[in-house]
Structures are given as structure tokens and as C-alpha cells.
Amino acid sequence: VDPVERAILRLGAYELLYHSEIPFRVIINEAVELAKIFGAAEGHRYVNGVLDRLAQQVRRAEAQGAR
């Protein structure tokens, strides 16, 4: 994993776990935008997939309500 994507994933994971006042879609969207600007060519797709899967696990009720 590219160091930039790793840092973005760590930031996104932290926000998903410890900042429940921020909607999970906002966290994922901001992480994807950062990956598009600073990451590798297709790194934003990887960031999106990983954080979406994490959101499904740690914010199950919120994620199910949004779908």
C-alpha cells in the first residue's frame, strides 16, 4: 500500500471509530477526495472500498439505514 493511501486510511479509520458525530459517508467522501489529489492513480478506489467495508462493520446501524 502506498504511504499516502495508508495515511488516508488511518485517518478515515480513526474518524469512523471515534467521531460518530460525523456521518460515515462524509468521512469516506473526504478520504476519497484526498486520495484523488495526493494518492496514486487509482488509489481512491482502494480507499473507498476499504473504508466502506470498515463502515459496514463499525457503524452497522448507520450504514444499514443509509442503504
C-alpha atoms as a PDB file:
ATOM      1  CA  VAL A   1       0.000   0.000   0.000  1.00  0.00           C
ATOM      2  CA  ASP A   2       1.276   3.432  -0.941  1.00  0.00           C
ATOM      3  CA  PRO A   3       2.257   5.539   2.111  1.00  0.00           C
ATOM      4  CA  VAL A   4      -0.213   8.269   1.153  1.00  0.00           C
ATOM      5  CA  GLU A   5      -3.127   5.856   0.919  1.00  0.00           C
ATOM      6  CA  ARG A   6      -2.053   4.248   4.200  1.00  0.00           C
ATOM      7  CA  ALA A   7      -2.126   7.636   5.941  1.00  0.00           C
ATOM      8  CA  ILE A   8      -5.548   8.437   4.452  1.00  0.00           C
ATOM      9  CA  LEU A   9      -6.882   5.044   5.550  1.00  0.00           C
ATOM     10  CA  ARG A  10      -5.588   5.591   9.082  1.00  0.00           C
ATOM     11  CA  LEU A  11      -7.236   8.994   9.259  1.00  0.00           C
ATOM     12  CA  GLY A  12     -10.515   7.662   7.880  1.00  0.00           C
ATOM     13  CA  ALA A  13     -10.496   4.666  10.204  1.00  0.00           C
ATOM     14  CA  TYR A  14      -9.854   6.895  13.211  1.00  0.00           C
ATOM     15  CA  GLU A  15     -12.751   9.147  12.271  1.00  0.00           C
ATOM     16  CA  LEU A  16     -15.081   6.190  11.700  1.00  0.00           C
ATOM     17  CA  LEU A  17     -14.196   4.698  15.070  1.00  0.00           C
ATOM     18  CA  TYR A  18     -14.010   7.764  17.305  1.00  0.00           C
ATOM     19  CA  HIS A  19     -16.093  10.524  15.708  1.00  0.00           C
ATOM     20  CA  SER A  20     -19.607   9.171  15.474  1.00  0.00           C
ATOM     21  CA  GLU A  21     -20.985  12.707  15.111  1.00  0.00           C
ATOM     22  CA  ILE A  22     -19.605  12.795  11.549  1.00  0.00           C
ATOM     23  CA  PRO A  23     -21.710  10.791   9.066  1.00  0.00           C
ATOM     24  CA  PHE A  24     -19.765   7.878   7.624  1.00  0.00           C
ATOM     25  CA  ARG A  25     -20.457   8.960   4.044  1.00  0.00           C
ATOM     26  CA  VAL A  26     -18.808  12.323   4.706  1.00  0.00           C
ATOM     27  CA  ILE A  27     -15.720  10.604   6.108  1.00  0.00           C
ATOM     28  CA  ILE A  28     -15.445   8.269   3.125  1.00  0.00           C
ATOM     29  CA  ASN A  29     -16.031  11.078   0.628  1.00  0.00           C
ATOM     30  CA  GLU A  30     -13.339  13.277   2.152  1.00  0.00           C
ATOM     31  CA  ALA A  31     -10.867  10.378   2.215  1.00  0.00           C
ATOM     32  CA  VAL A  32     -11.573   9.571  -1.432  1.00  0.00           C
ATOM     33  CA  GLU A  33     -11.066  13.207  -2.425  1.00  0.00           C
ATOM     34  CA  LEU A  34      -7.730  13.287  -0.587  1.00  0.00           C
ATOM     35  CA  ALA A  35      -6.677  10.083  -2.333  1.00  0.00           C
ATOM     36  CA  LYS A  36      -7.615  11.537  -5.721  1.00  0.00           C
ATOM     37  CA  ILE A  37      -5.482  14.617  -5.104  1.00  0.00           C
ATOM     38  CA  PHE A  38      -2.482  13.144  -3.282  1.00  0.00           C
ATOM     39  CA  GLY A  39      -2.587   9.400  -3.909  1.00  0.00           C
ATOM     40  CA  ALA A  40      -1.675   7.084  -6.734  1.00  0.00           C
ATOM     41  CA  ALA A  41      -3.665   6.934  -9.972  1.00  0.00           C
ATOM     42  CA  GLU A  42      -6.345   4.503  -8.799  1.00  0.00           C
ATOM     43  CA  GLY A  43      -5.693   4.737  -5.057  1.00  0.00           C
ATOM     44  CA  HIS A  44      -9.029   6.419  -4.412  1.00  0.00           C
ATOM     45  CA  ARG A  45     -10.853   3.223  -5.426  1.00  0.00           C
ATOM     46  CA  TYR A  46      -8.902   1.218  -2.866  1.00  0.00           C
ATOM     47  CA  VAL A  47      -9.519   3.807  -0.128  1.00  0.00           C
ATOM     48  CA  ASN A  48     -13.226   3.840  -0.930  1.00  0.00           C
ATOM     49  CA  GLY A  49     -13.517   0.058  -0.755  1.00  0.00           C
ATOM     50  CA  VAL A  50     -11.595  -0.343   2.482  1.00  0.00           C
ATOM     51  CA  LEU A  51     -13.373   2.459   4.340  1.00  0.00           C
ATOM     52  CA  ASP A  52     -16.784   1.356   3.074  1.00  0.00           C
ATOM     53  CA  ARG A  53     -16.175  -2.146   4.372  1.00  0.00           C
ATOM     54  CA  LEU A  54     -14.947  -0.777   7.708  1.00  0.00           C
ATOM     55  CA  ALA A  55     -18.030   1.453   7.975  1.00  0.00           C
ATOM     56  CA  GLN A  56     -20.246  -1.600   7.433  1.00  0.00           C
ATOM     57  CA  GLN A  57     -18.586  -3.243  10.435  1.00  0.00           C
ATOM     58  CA  VAL A  58     -18.170  -0.418  12.932  1.00  0.00           C
ATOM     59  CA  ARG A  59     -21.270   1.612  12.082  1.00  0.00           C
ATOM     60  CA  ARG A  60     -23.643  -1.164  11.174  1.00  0.00           C
ATOM     61  CA  ALA A  61     -26.896   0.596  12.136  1.00  0.00           C
ATOM     62  CA  GLU A  62     -25.985   3.830  10.392  1.00  0.00           C
ATOM     63  CA  ALA A  63     -24.796   2.039   7.249  1.00  0.00           C
ATOM     64  CA  GLN A  64     -27.886  -0.168   7.029  1.00  0.00           C
ATOM     65  CA  GLY A  65     -30.155   2.818   7.498  1.00  0.00           C
ATOM     66  CA  ALA A  66     -28.455   4.637   4.648  1.00  0.00           C
ATOM     67  CA  ARG A  67     -28.926   1.813   2.145  1.00  0.00           C
END
